[in-house]
Every structure is written in C-alpha cells, then in structure tokens.
Full PDB file with SEQRES, HELIX, SHEET, SSBOND, CRYST1, ORIGX, SCALE, CONECT and MASTER records, all heavy atoms in Angstrom:
SEQRES   1 A   36  ASN LEU SER LEU VAL LEU VAL GLY LYS ILE GLU GLU GLN          
SEQRES   2 A   36  GLY LYS LEU ILE THR GLU THR MET GLU GLY ILE GLU GLY          
SEQRES   3 A   36  LYS VAL ASN TYR TYR SER ASN GLU VAL LYS                      
SHEET    1 AA1 2 ILE A  17  THR A  20  0                                        
SHEET    2 AA1 2 LYS A  27  TYR A  30 -1                                        
CRYST1    1.000    1.000    1.000  90.00  90.00  90.00 P 1           1          
ORIGX1      1.000000  0.000000  0.000000        0.00000                         
ORIGX2      0.000000  1.000000  0.000000        0.00000                         
ORIGX3      0.000000  0.000000  1.000000        0.00000                         
SCALE1      1.000000  0.000000  0.000000        0.00000                         
SCALE2      0.000000  1.000000  0.000000        0.00000                         
SCALE3      0.000000  0.000000  1.000000        0.00000                         
ATOM      1  N   ASN A   1      56.632   5.764 134.980  1.00  0.00           N  
ATOM      2  CA  ASN A   1      55.663   6.517 135.758  1.00  0.00           C  
ATOM      3  C   ASN A   1      54.463   5.595 136.001  1.00  0.00           C  
ATOM      4  O   ASN A   1      53.781   5.218 135.043  1.00  0.00           O  
ATOM      5  CB  ASN A   1      55.244   7.780 134.996  1.00  0.00           C  
ATOM      6  CG  ASN A   1      54.305   8.658 135.774  1.00  0.00           C  
ATOM      7  OD1 ASN A   1      53.538   8.188 136.615  1.00  0.00           O  
ATOM      8  ND2 ASN A   1      54.345   9.947 135.481  1.00  0.00           N  
ATOM      9  N   LEU A   2      54.222   5.222 137.241  1.00  0.00           N  
ATOM     10  CA  LEU A   2      53.153   4.281 137.555  1.00  0.00           C  
ATOM     11  C   LEU A   2      51.759   4.832 137.243  1.00  0.00           C  
ATOM     12  O   LEU A   2      50.816   4.072 137.089  1.00  0.00           O  
ATOM     13  CB  LEU A   2      53.244   3.851 139.021  1.00  0.00           C  
ATOM     14  CG  LEU A   2      54.534   3.113 139.412  1.00  0.00           C  
ATOM     15  CD1 LEU A   2      54.535   2.790 140.901  1.00  0.00           C  
ATOM     16  CD2 LEU A   2      54.700   1.851 138.587  1.00  0.00           C  
ATOM     17  N   SER A   3      51.625   6.156 137.112  1.00  0.00           N  
ATOM     18  CA  SER A   3      50.337   6.773 136.801  1.00  0.00           C  
ATOM     19  C   SER A   3      50.054   6.806 135.301  1.00  0.00           C  
ATOM     20  O   SER A   3      48.960   7.155 134.890  1.00  0.00           O  
ATOM     21  CB  SER A   3      50.302   8.213 137.325  1.00  0.00           C  
ATOM     22  OG  SER A   3      50.478   8.238 138.715  1.00  0.00           O  
ATOM     23  N   LEU A   4      51.037   6.460 134.496  1.00  0.00           N  
ATOM     24  CA  LEU A   4      50.952   6.624 133.041  1.00  0.00           C  
ATOM     25  C   LEU A   4      50.754   5.288 132.339  1.00  0.00           C  
ATOM     26  O   LEU A   4      51.479   4.329 132.600  1.00  0.00           O  
ATOM     27  CB  LEU A   4      52.238   7.278 132.529  1.00  0.00           C  
ATOM     28  CG  LEU A   4      52.428   7.371 131.021  1.00  0.00           C  
ATOM     29  CD1 LEU A   4      51.401   8.308 130.400  1.00  0.00           C  
ATOM     30  CD2 LEU A   4      53.836   7.857 130.704  1.00  0.00           C  
ATOM     31  N   VAL A   5      49.775   5.258 131.426  1.00  0.00           N  
ATOM     32  CA  VAL A   5      49.575   4.104 130.553  1.00  0.00           C  
ATOM     33  C   VAL A   5      49.619   4.614 129.111  1.00  0.00           C  
ATOM     34  O   VAL A   5      48.818   5.475 128.725  1.00  0.00           O  
ATOM     35  CB  VAL A   5      48.219   3.401 130.822  1.00  0.00           C  
ATOM     36  CG1 VAL A   5      47.997   2.265 129.829  1.00  0.00           C  
ATOM     37  CG2 VAL A   5      48.143   2.903 132.249  1.00  0.00           C  
ATOM     38  N   LEU A   6      50.565   4.110 128.335  1.00  0.00           N  
ATOM     39  CA  LEU A   6      50.620   4.454 126.916  1.00  0.00           C  
ATOM     40  C   LEU A   6      49.576   3.624 126.189  1.00  0.00           C  
ATOM     41  O   LEU A   6      49.487   2.422 126.392  1.00  0.00           O  
ATOM     42  CB  LEU A   6      52.012   4.172 126.345  1.00  0.00           C  
ATOM     43  CG  LEU A   6      53.187   4.914 126.990  1.00  0.00           C  
ATOM     44  CD1 LEU A   6      54.500   4.469 126.359  1.00  0.00           C  
ATOM     45  CD2 LEU A   6      53.020   6.408 126.887  1.00  0.00           C  
ATOM     46  N   VAL A   7      48.809   4.266 125.326  1.00  0.00           N  
ATOM     47  CA  VAL A   7      47.753   3.589 124.574  1.00  0.00           C  
ATOM     48  C   VAL A   7      48.188   3.531 123.113  1.00  0.00           C  
ATOM     49  O   VAL A   7      48.221   4.548 122.418  1.00  0.00           O  
ATOM     50  CB  VAL A   7      46.400   4.326 124.711  1.00  0.00           C  
ATOM     51  CG1 VAL A   7      45.328   3.619 123.892  1.00  0.00           C  
ATOM     52  CG2 VAL A   7      45.994   4.450 126.175  1.00  0.00           C  
ATOM     53  N   GLY A   8      48.548   2.344 122.653  1.00  0.00           N  
ATOM     54  CA  GLY A   8      49.008   2.195 121.274  1.00  0.00           C  
ATOM     55  C   GLY A   8      50.398   2.780 121.081  1.00  0.00           C  
ATOM     56  O   GLY A   8      51.092   3.140 122.036  1.00  0.00           O  
ATOM     57  N   LYS A   9      50.779   2.874 119.821  1.00  0.00           N  
ATOM     58  CA  LYS A   9      52.093   3.402 119.459  1.00  0.00           C  
ATOM     59  C   LYS A   9      51.964   4.868 119.071  1.00  0.00           C  
ATOM     60  O   LYS A   9      50.890   5.340 118.726  1.00  0.00           O  
ATOM     61  CB  LYS A   9      52.681   2.608 118.293  1.00  0.00           C  
ATOM     62  CG  LYS A   9      53.004   1.176 118.644  1.00  0.00           C  
ATOM     63  CD  LYS A   9      53.648   0.473 117.488  1.00  0.00           C  
ATOM     64  CE  LYS A   9      54.010  -0.961 117.879  1.00  0.00           C  
ATOM     65  NZ  LYS A   9      54.715  -1.658 116.819  1.00  0.00           N  
ATOM     66  N   ILE A  10      53.105   5.548 119.092  1.00  0.00           N  
ATOM     67  CA  ILE A  10      53.119   6.945 118.672  1.00  0.00           C  
ATOM     68  C   ILE A  10      52.793   7.017 117.181  1.00  0.00           C  
ATOM     69  O   ILE A  10      53.212   6.148 116.406  1.00  0.00           O  
ATOM     70  CB  ILE A  10      54.462   7.622 119.028  1.00  0.00           C  
ATOM     71  CG1 ILE A  10      54.317   9.130 118.987  1.00  0.00           C  
ATOM     72  CG2 ILE A  10      55.583   7.151 118.143  1.00  0.00           C  
ATOM     73  CD1 ILE A  10      55.273   9.865 119.884  1.00  0.00           C  
ATOM     74  N   GLU A  11      52.021   8.024 116.805  1.00  0.00           N  
ATOM     75  CA  GLU A  11      51.623   8.218 115.408  1.00  0.00           C  
ATOM     76  C   GLU A  11      52.180   9.540 114.920  1.00  0.00           C  
ATOM     77  O   GLU A  11      52.462  10.437 115.718  1.00  0.00           O  
ATOM     78  CB  GLU A  11      50.095   8.231 115.295  1.00  0.00           C  
ATOM     79  CG  GLU A  11      49.452   6.930 115.746  1.00  0.00           C  
ATOM     80  CD  GLU A  11      47.933   7.006 115.777  1.00  0.00           C  
ATOM     81  OE1 GLU A  11      47.366   8.057 115.392  1.00  0.00           O  
ATOM     82  OE2 GLU A  11      47.313   6.017 116.205  1.00  0.00           O  
ATOM     83  N   GLU A  12      52.315   9.661 113.608  1.00  0.00           N  
ATOM     84  CA  GLU A  12      52.796  10.914 113.023  1.00  0.00           C  
ATOM     85  C   GLU A  12      51.727  11.491 112.101  1.00  0.00           C  
ATOM     86  O   GLU A  12      50.969  10.746 111.473  1.00  0.00           O  
ATOM     87  CB  GLU A  12      54.115  10.689 112.272  1.00  0.00           C  
ATOM     88  CG  GLU A  12      54.060   9.594 111.237  1.00  0.00           C  
ATOM     89  CD  GLU A  12      55.422   9.152 110.714  1.00  0.00           C  
ATOM     90  OE1 GLU A  12      56.466   9.622 111.192  1.00  0.00           O  
ATOM     91  OE2 GLU A  12      55.434   8.330 109.799  1.00  0.00           O  
ATOM     92  N   GLN A  13      51.672  12.825 112.060  1.00  0.00           N  
ATOM     93  CA  GLN A  13      50.736  13.522 111.187  1.00  0.00           C  
ATOM     94  C   GLN A  13      51.478  14.633 110.469  1.00  0.00           C  
ATOM     95  O   GLN A  13      52.186  15.421 111.101  1.00  0.00           O  
ATOM     96  CB  GLN A  13      49.592  14.152 111.978  1.00  0.00           C  
ATOM     97  CG  GLN A  13      48.578  13.197 112.500  1.00  0.00           C  
ATOM     98  CD  GLN A  13      47.445  13.929 113.209  1.00  0.00           C  
ATOM     99  OE1 GLN A  13      47.459  15.142 113.370  1.00  0.00           O  
ATOM    100  NE2 GLN A  13      46.461  13.177 113.646  1.00  0.00           N  
ATOM    101  N   GLY A  14      51.301  14.684 109.179  1.00  0.00           N  
ATOM    102  CA  GLY A  14      51.931  15.720 108.376  1.00  0.00           C  
ATOM    103  C   GLY A  14      51.878  15.316 106.918  1.00  0.00           C  
ATOM    104  O   GLY A  14      51.270  14.302 106.558  1.00  0.00           O  
ATOM    105  N   LYS A  15      52.522  16.097 106.080  1.00  0.00           N  
ATOM    106  CA  LYS A  15      52.563  15.803 104.655  1.00  0.00           C  
ATOM    107  C   LYS A  15      53.767  14.895 104.381  1.00  0.00           C  
ATOM    108  O   LYS A  15      54.901  15.356 104.274  1.00  0.00           O  
ATOM    109  CB  LYS A  15      52.662  17.090 103.836  1.00  0.00           C  
ATOM    110  CG  LYS A  15      52.601  16.837 102.352  1.00  0.00           C  
ATOM    111  CD  LYS A  15      52.681  18.112 101.555  1.00  0.00           C  
ATOM    112  CE  LYS A  15      52.637  17.727 100.083  1.00  0.00           C  
ATOM    113  NZ  LYS A  15      53.165  18.772  99.229  1.00  0.00           N  
ATOM    114  N   LEU A  16      53.488  13.604 104.271  1.00  0.00           N  
ATOM    115  CA  LEU A  16      54.541  12.617 104.048  1.00  0.00           C  
ATOM    116  C   LEU A  16      55.065  12.735 102.621  1.00  0.00           C  
ATOM    117  O   LEU A  16      54.277  12.786 101.664  1.00  0.00           O  
ATOM    118  CB  LEU A  16      54.008  11.205 104.294  1.00  0.00           C  
ATOM    119  CG  LEU A  16      55.014  10.070 104.165  1.00  0.00           C  
ATOM    120  CD1 LEU A  16      56.062  10.161 105.261  1.00  0.00           C  
ATOM    121  CD2 LEU A  16      54.306   8.725 104.221  1.00  0.00           C  
ATOM    122  N   ILE A  17      56.377  12.767 102.487  1.00  0.00           N  
ATOM    123  CA  ILE A  17      57.024  12.805 101.174  1.00  0.00           C  
ATOM    124  C   ILE A  17      57.698  11.454 100.966  1.00  0.00           C  
ATOM    125  O   ILE A  17      58.448  10.989 101.823  1.00  0.00           O  
ATOM    126  CB  ILE A  17      58.059  13.944 101.087  1.00  0.00           C  
ATOM    127  CG1 ILE A  17      57.362  15.291 101.329  1.00  0.00           C  
ATOM    128  CG2 ILE A  17      58.781  13.921  99.749  1.00  0.00           C  
ATOM    129  CD1 ILE A  17      58.304  16.443 101.571  1.00  0.00           C  
ATOM    130  N   THR A  18      57.414  10.825  99.828  1.00  0.00           N  
ATOM    131  CA  THR A  18      58.025   9.547  99.479  1.00  0.00           C  
ATOM    132  C   THR A  18      58.731   9.726  98.141  1.00  0.00           C  
ATOM    133  O   THR A  18      58.106  10.137  97.160  1.00  0.00           O  
ATOM    134  CB  THR A  18      56.950   8.442  99.365  1.00  0.00           C  
ATOM    135  OG1 THR A  18      56.276   8.323 100.612  1.00  0.00           O  
ATOM    136  CG2 THR A  18      57.582   7.099  99.004  1.00  0.00           C  
ATOM    137  N   GLU A  19      60.040   9.437  98.119  1.00  0.00           N  
ATOM    138  CA  GLU A  19      60.804   9.589  96.886  1.00  0.00           C  
ATOM    139  C   GLU A  19      62.123   8.830  97.001  1.00  0.00           C  
ATOM    140  O   GLU A  19      62.468   8.338  98.074  1.00  0.00           O  
ATOM    141  CB  GLU A  19      61.058  11.069  96.572  1.00  0.00           C  
ATOM    142  CG  GLU A  19      61.934  11.781  97.577  1.00  0.00           C  
ATOM    143  CD  GLU A  19      62.115  13.264  97.276  1.00  0.00           C  
ATOM    144  OE1 GLU A  19      61.335  13.817  96.487  1.00  0.00           O  
ATOM    145  OE2 GLU A  19      63.040  13.864  97.829  1.00  0.00           O  
ATOM    146  N   THR A  20      62.830   8.759  95.897  1.00  0.00           N  
ATOM    147  CA  THR A  20      64.171   8.188  95.931  1.00  0.00           C  
ATOM    148  C   THR A  20      65.164   9.314  96.187  1.00  0.00           C  
ATOM    149  O   THR A  20      64.914  10.465  95.834  1.00  0.00           O  
ATOM    150  CB  THR A  20      64.523   7.485  94.599  1.00  0.00           C  
ATOM    151  OG1 THR A  20      64.400   8.427  93.533  1.00  0.00           O  
ATOM    152  CG2 THR A  20      63.619   6.295  94.350  1.00  0.00           C  
ATOM    153  N   MET A  21      66.275   8.977  96.840  1.00  0.00           N  
ATOM    154  CA  MET A  21      67.338   9.938  97.120  1.00  0.00           C  
ATOM    155  C   MET A  21      68.661   9.329  96.696  1.00  0.00           C  
ATOM    156  O   MET A  21      68.882   8.139  96.889  1.00  0.00           O  
ATOM    157  CB  MET A  21      67.414  10.294  98.608  1.00  0.00           C  
ATOM    158  CG  MET A  21      66.355  11.197  99.094  1.00  0.00           C  
ATOM    159  SD  MET A  21      66.729  11.654 100.811  1.00  0.00           S  
ATOM    160  CE  MET A  21      65.525  12.927 101.034  1.00  0.00           C  
ATOM    161  N   GLU A  22      69.508  10.183  96.173  1.00  0.00           N  
ATOM    162  CA  GLU A  22      70.831   9.734  95.756  1.00  0.00           C  
ATOM    163  C   GLU A  22      71.587   9.176  96.956  1.00  0.00           C  
ATOM    164  O   GLU A  22      71.578   9.754  98.044  1.00  0.00           O  
ATOM    165  CB  GLU A  22      71.617  10.912  95.162  1.00  0.00           C  
ATOM    166  CG  GLU A  22      72.928  10.489  94.552  1.00  0.00           C  
ATOM    167  CD  GLU A  22      73.632  11.655  93.869  1.00  0.00           C  
ATOM    168  OE1 GLU A  22      72.957  12.574  93.384  1.00  0.00           O  
ATOM    169  OE2 GLU A  22      74.873  11.601  93.833  1.00  0.00           O  
ATOM    170  N   GLY A  23      72.179   8.015  96.784  1.00  0.00           N  
ATOM    171  CA  GLY A  23      72.971   7.389  97.836  1.00  0.00           C  
ATOM    172  C   GLY A  23      72.179   6.496  98.769  1.00  0.00           C  
ATOM    173  O   GLY A  23      72.750   5.886  99.663  1.00  0.00           O  
ATOM    174  N   ILE A  24      70.856   6.427  98.580  1.00  0.00           N  
ATOM    175  CA  ILE A  24      70.025   5.575  99.427  1.00  0.00           C  
ATOM    176  C   ILE A  24      69.278   4.600  98.527  1.00  0.00           C  
ATOM    177  O   ILE A  24      68.641   5.006  97.560  1.00  0.00           O  
ATOM    178  CB  ILE A  24      69.011   6.391 100.261  1.00  0.00           C  
ATOM    179  CG1 ILE A  24      69.751   7.371 101.166  1.00  0.00           C  
ATOM    180  CG2 ILE A  24      68.127   5.470 101.082  1.00  0.00           C  
ATOM    181  CD1 ILE A  24      68.834   8.287 101.958  1.00  0.00           C  
ATOM    182  N   GLU A  25      69.360   3.342  98.883  1.00  0.00           N  
ATOM    183  CA  GLU A  25      68.697   2.304  98.099  1.00  0.00           C  
ATOM    184  C   GLU A  25      67.204   2.270  98.428  1.00  0.00           C  
ATOM    185  O   GLU A  25      66.823   2.237  99.598  1.00  0.00           O  
ATOM    186  CB  GLU A  25      69.336   0.955  98.442  1.00  0.00           C  
ATOM    187  CG  GLU A  25      69.085  -0.115  97.422  1.00  0.00           C  
ATOM    188  CD  GLU A  25      69.909  -1.344  97.729  1.00  0.00           C  
ATOM    189  OE1 GLU A  25      71.141  -1.227  97.806  1.00  0.00           O  
ATOM    190  OE2 GLU A  25      69.298  -2.406  97.905  1.00  0.00           O  
ATOM    191  N   GLY A  26      66.361   2.318  97.427  1.00  0.00           N  
ATOM    192  CA  GLY A  26      64.917   2.266  97.616  1.00  0.00           C  
ATOM    193  C   GLY A  26      64.318   3.630  97.918  1.00  0.00           C  
ATOM    194  O   GLY A  26      65.018   4.613  98.138  1.00  0.00           O  
ATOM    195  N   LYS A  27      62.997   3.672  97.951  1.00  0.00           N  
ATOM    196  CA  LYS A  27      62.289   4.919  98.259  1.00  0.00           C  
ATOM    197  C   LYS A  27      62.317   5.181  99.760  1.00  0.00           C  
ATOM    198  O   LYS A  27      62.269   4.251 100.559  1.00  0.00           O  
ATOM    199  CB  LYS A  27      60.838   4.841  97.780  1.00  0.00           C  
ATOM    200  CG  LYS A  27      60.707   4.880  96.276  1.00  0.00           C  
ATOM    201  CD  LYS A  27      59.250   4.960  95.863  1.00  0.00           C  
ATOM    202  CE  LYS A  27      59.186   5.078  94.341  1.00  0.00           C  
ATOM    203  NZ  LYS A  27      57.796   5.235  93.888  1.00  0.00           N  
ATOM    204  N   VAL A  28      62.404   6.468 100.116  1.00  0.00           N  
ATOM    205  CA  VAL A  28      62.419   6.872 101.515  1.00  0.00           C  
ATOM    206  C   VAL A  28      61.198   7.733 101.827  1.00  0.00           C  
ATOM    207  O   VAL A  28      60.607   8.341 100.937  1.00  0.00           O  
ATOM    208  CB  VAL A  28      63.708   7.636 101.881  1.00  0.00           C  
ATOM    209  CG1 VAL A  28      64.909   6.720 101.842  1.00  0.00           C  
ATOM    210  CG2 VAL A  28      63.916   8.837 100.986  1.00  0.00           C  
ATOM    211  N   ASN A  29      60.831   7.780 103.108  1.00  0.00           N  
ATOM    212  CA  ASN A  29      59.694   8.564 103.593  1.00  0.00           C  
ATOM    213  C   ASN A  29      60.205   9.568 104.613  1.00  0.00           C  
ATOM    214  O   ASN A  29      60.918   9.193 105.551  1.00  0.00           O  
ATOM    215  CB  ASN A  29      58.664   7.645 104.270  1.00  0.00           C  
ATOM    216  CG  ASN A  29      58.181   6.567 103.333  1.00  0.00           C  
ATOM    217  OD1 ASN A  29      57.746   6.833 102.225  1.00  0.00           O  
ATOM    218  ND2 ASN A  29      58.259   5.322 103.782  1.00  0.00           N  
ATOM    219  N   TYR A  30      59.816  10.828 104.425  1.00  0.00           N  
ATOM    220  CA  TYR A  30      60.254  11.870 105.345  1.00  0.00           C  
ATOM    221  C   TYR A  30      59.273  13.036 105.355  1.00  0.00           C  
ATOM    222  O   TYR A  30      58.335  13.084 104.565  1.00  0.00           O  
ATOM    223  CB  TYR A  30      61.663  12.357 105.000  1.00  0.00           C  
ATOM    224  CG  TYR A  30      61.777  13.037 103.649  1.00  0.00           C  
ATOM    225  CD1 TYR A  30      61.609  14.425 103.536  1.00  0.00           C  
ATOM    226  CD2 TYR A  30      62.058  12.328 102.494  1.00  0.00           C  
ATOM    227  CE1 TYR A  30      61.712  15.053 102.316  1.00  0.00           C  
ATOM    228  CE2 TYR A  30      62.174  12.955 101.274  1.00  0.00           C  
ATOM    229  CZ  TYR A  30      61.999  14.321 101.186  1.00  0.00           C  
ATOM    230  OH  TYR A  30      62.102  14.944  99.976  1.00  0.00           O  
ATOM    231  N   TYR A  31      59.507  13.965 106.283  1.00  0.00           N  
ATOM    232  CA  TYR A  31      58.692  15.168 106.433  1.00  0.00           C  
ATOM    233  C   TYR A  31      59.591  16.397 106.333  1.00  0.00           C  
ATOM    234  O   TYR A  31      60.691  16.404 106.874  1.00  0.00           O  
ATOM    235  CB  TYR A  31      57.981  15.192 107.788  1.00  0.00           C  
ATOM    236  CG  TYR A  31      56.949  14.105 107.934  1.00  0.00           C  
ATOM    237  CD1 TYR A  31      57.276  12.878 108.507  1.00  0.00           C  
ATOM    238  CD2 TYR A  31      55.648  14.293 107.485  1.00  0.00           C  
ATOM    239  CE1 TYR A  31      56.333  11.881 108.633  1.00  0.00           C  
ATOM    240  CE2 TYR A  31      54.699  13.293 107.602  1.00  0.00           C  
ATOM    241  CZ  TYR A  31      55.049  12.089 108.174  1.00  0.00           C  
ATOM    242  OH  TYR A  31      54.115  11.089 108.286  1.00  0.00           O  
ATOM    243  N   SER A  32      59.081  17.421 105.665  1.00  0.00           N  
ATOM    244  CA  SER A  32      59.714  18.741 105.632  1.00  0.00           C  
ATOM    245  C   SER A  32      58.753  19.723 106.281  1.00  0.00           C  
ATOM    246  O   SER A  32      57.568  19.427 106.443  1.00  0.00           O  
ATOM    247  CB  SER A  32      59.988  19.175 104.189  1.00  0.00           C  
ATOM    248  OG  SER A  32      60.958  18.358 103.595  1.00  0.00           O  
ATOM    249  N   ASN A  33      59.229  20.890 106.615  1.00  0.00           N  
ATOM    250  CA  ASN A  33      58.429  21.988 107.176  1.00  0.00           C  
ATOM    251  C   ASN A  33      57.901  21.674 108.573  1.00  0.00           C  
ATOM    252  O   ASN A  33      58.321  22.290 109.524  1.00  0.00           O  
ATOM    253  CB  ASN A  33      57.278  22.396 106.257  1.00  0.00           C  
ATOM    254  CG  ASN A  33      57.769  22.848 104.907  1.00  0.00           C  
ATOM    255  OD1 ASN A  33      58.784  23.523 104.813  1.00  0.00           O  
ATOM    256  ND2 ASN A  33      57.073  22.458 103.860  1.00  0.00           N  
ATOM    257  N   GLU A  34      56.954  20.726 108.696  1.00  0.00           N  
ATOM    258  CA  GLU A  34      56.397  20.434 110.013  1.00  0.00           C  
ATOM    259  C   GLU A  34      55.803  19.041 110.065  1.00  0.00           C  
ATOM    260  O   GLU A  34      55.432  18.461 109.047  1.00  0.00           O  
ATOM    261  CB  GLU A  34      55.337  21.472 110.393  1.00  0.00           C  
ATOM    262  CG  GLU A  34      54.143  21.502 109.475  1.00  0.00           C  
ATOM    263  CD  GLU A  34      53.165  22.627 109.806  1.00  0.00           C  
ATOM    264  OE1 GLU A  34      53.502  23.508 110.613  1.00  0.00           O  
ATOM    265  OE2 GLU A  34      52.067  22.606 109.257  1.00  0.00           O  
ATOM    266  N   VAL A  35      55.729  18.522 111.269  1.00  0.00           N  
ATOM    267  CA  VAL A  35      55.124  17.214 111.518  1.00  0.00           C  
ATOM    268  C   VAL A  35      54.723  17.171 112.994  1.00  0.00           C  
ATOM    269  O   VAL A  35      55.312  17.870 113.830  1.00  0.00           O  
ATOM    270  CB  VAL A  35      56.096  16.053 111.165  1.00  0.00           C  
ATOM    271  CG1 VAL A  35      57.360  16.112 111.987  1.00  0.00           C  
ATOM    272  CG2 VAL A  35      55.419  14.698 111.292  1.00  0.00           C  
ATOM    273  N   LYS A  36      53.682  16.404 113.288  1.00  0.00           N  
ATOM    274  CA  LYS A  36      53.254  16.184 114.664  1.00  0.00           C  
ATOM    275  C   LYS A  36      53.405  14.704 114.986  1.00  0.00           C  
ATOM    276  O   LYS A  36      53.076  13.848 114.171  1.00  0.00           O  
ATOM    277  CB  LYS A  36      51.785  16.567 114.850  1.00  0.00           C  
ATOM    278  CG  LYS A  36      51.511  18.027 114.754  1.00  0.00           C  
ATOM    279  CD  LYS A  36      50.042  18.326 114.972  1.00  0.00           C  
ATOM    280  CE  LYS A  36      49.813  19.813 114.838  1.00  0.00           C  
ATOM    281  NZ  LYS A  36      48.465  20.206 115.215  1.00  0.00           N  
TER     282      LYS A  36                                                      
MASTER        0    0    0    0    2    0    0    6  281    1    0    3          
END                                                                             
C-alpha cells in the first residue's frame, strides 16, 4: 500500500509467561488468556 509506512516492528503486550515445557529444549515464552 503506497499510502502506508510501517514504523518499527510489531510489538506485543500482555502477561508474558516464561517456563520450561516437556519436549522442548530450553525455556519458552508464550501468552495465555489475552495478548495485544
């Protein structure tokens, strides 16, 4: 869209959860319930 200029990268807002999960190596980051 020639009228559109994106400013920076998309950002996320919400309660970030960081933890280990079975079957995944290392800690993971995710959102439950809601995120913007």
